[in-house]
Amino acid sequence: MATETITVYGVRSTQVRHGKRKVVVETAPGHETDRAWHVQLVEQERAWQKSVGLTPDAELAARTVTTSDWYGI
């Protein structure tokens, strides 16, 4: 069984949920391995945070995973 190593990306930022600040990592289905797409999303998130008076803390999160060929089926 062959394996594949890929890097998946997300946006890590502080959000307020239920009145509490929490650091979350959000991914975008269909764009998990698209670094350029996530870099643009980070820039948009930071601009939004700044526009509403928050300290911009959004950043690119990445991790490398190894998966079997059948995983994507």
Protein backbone atom coordinates (compact mmCIF):
# COMPACT_ATOMS: atom_id res chain seq x y z
CA MET A 1 0.00 0.00 0.00
CA ALA A 2 1.51 3.29 -1.11
CA THR A 3 1.53 6.35 1.10
CA GLU A 4 1.64 10.03 0.31
CA THR A 5 3.02 12.88 2.42
CA ILE A 6 1.21 16.20 2.05
CA THR A 7 1.14 19.53 3.84
CA VAL A 8 -2.28 20.83 4.85
CA TYR A 9 -2.93 24.45 5.78
CA GLY A 10 -5.35 26.42 7.91
CA VAL A 11 -5.79 29.83 9.52
CA ARG A 12 -4.97 30.10 13.24
CA SER A 13 -6.56 33.04 15.03
CA THR A 14 -8.17 34.09 18.28
CA GLN A 15 -11.94 34.19 18.19
CA VAL A 16 -14.62 34.95 20.74
CA ARG A 17 -17.06 32.09 21.12
CA HIS A 18 -19.75 32.07 23.78
CA GLY A 19 -18.11 35.09 25.39
CA LYS A 20 -14.70 33.43 25.75
CA ARG A 21 -11.54 33.99 23.73
CA LYS A 22 -10.29 30.84 22.08
CA VAL A 23 -7.49 30.06 19.61
CA VAL A 24 -8.87 28.09 16.68
CA VAL A 25 -7.51 26.69 13.44
CA GLU A 26 -9.95 26.80 10.56
CA THR A 27 -9.51 24.90 7.34
CA ALA A 28 -11.24 25.36 4.02
CA PRO A 29 -12.66 22.18 2.48
CA GLY A 30 -11.28 21.69 -1.00
CA HIS A 31 -8.33 24.04 -0.38
CA GLU A 32 -6.48 22.16 2.37
CA THR A 33 -3.23 21.85 0.39
CA ASP A 34 -3.36 25.24 -1.37
CA ARG A 35 -0.81 27.41 0.48
CA ALA A 36 -1.33 30.52 -1.69
CA TRP A 37 -5.09 30.40 -1.10
CA HIS A 38 -4.58 30.24 2.67
CA VAL A 39 -2.02 33.07 2.65
CA GLN A 40 -4.65 35.25 0.99
CA LEU A 41 -7.24 34.13 3.55
CA VAL A 42 -4.86 35.08 6.39
CA GLU A 43 -4.45 38.55 4.91
CA GLN A 44 -8.23 38.95 4.67
CA GLU A 45 -8.74 37.76 8.25
CA ARG A 46 -6.08 40.17 9.57
CA ALA A 47 -7.69 43.07 7.69
CA TRP A 48 -11.09 42.17 9.14
CA GLN A 49 -9.66 41.89 12.67
CA LYS A 50 -8.08 45.32 12.32
CA SER A 51 -11.30 46.85 10.93
CA VAL A 52 -13.29 45.80 14.00
CA GLY A 53 -10.69 46.99 16.48
CA LEU A 54 -9.06 43.64 17.31
CA THR A 55 -5.33 43.04 17.43
CA PRO A 56 -4.60 41.15 14.19
CA ASP A 57 -3.25 37.74 15.16
CA ALA A 58 -4.31 35.51 12.25
CA GLU A 59 -1.46 33.39 10.92
CA LEU A 60 -0.86 30.49 8.59
CA ALA A 61 -0.94 27.09 10.27
CA ALA A 62 0.55 24.04 8.56
CA ARG A 63 1.10 20.40 9.30
CA THR A 64 2.51 17.52 7.33
CA VAL A 65 0.50 14.32 7.21
CA THR A 66 1.13 10.93 5.69
CA THR A 67 -1.86 9.18 4.25
CA SER A 68 -2.61 6.00 2.33
CA ASP A 69 -3.86 6.05 -1.26
CA TRP A 70 -7.32 4.88 -0.12
CA TYR A 71 -7.74 7.84 2.23
CA GLY A 72 -9.14 10.14 -0.47
CA ILE A 73 -11.71 7.67 -1.69
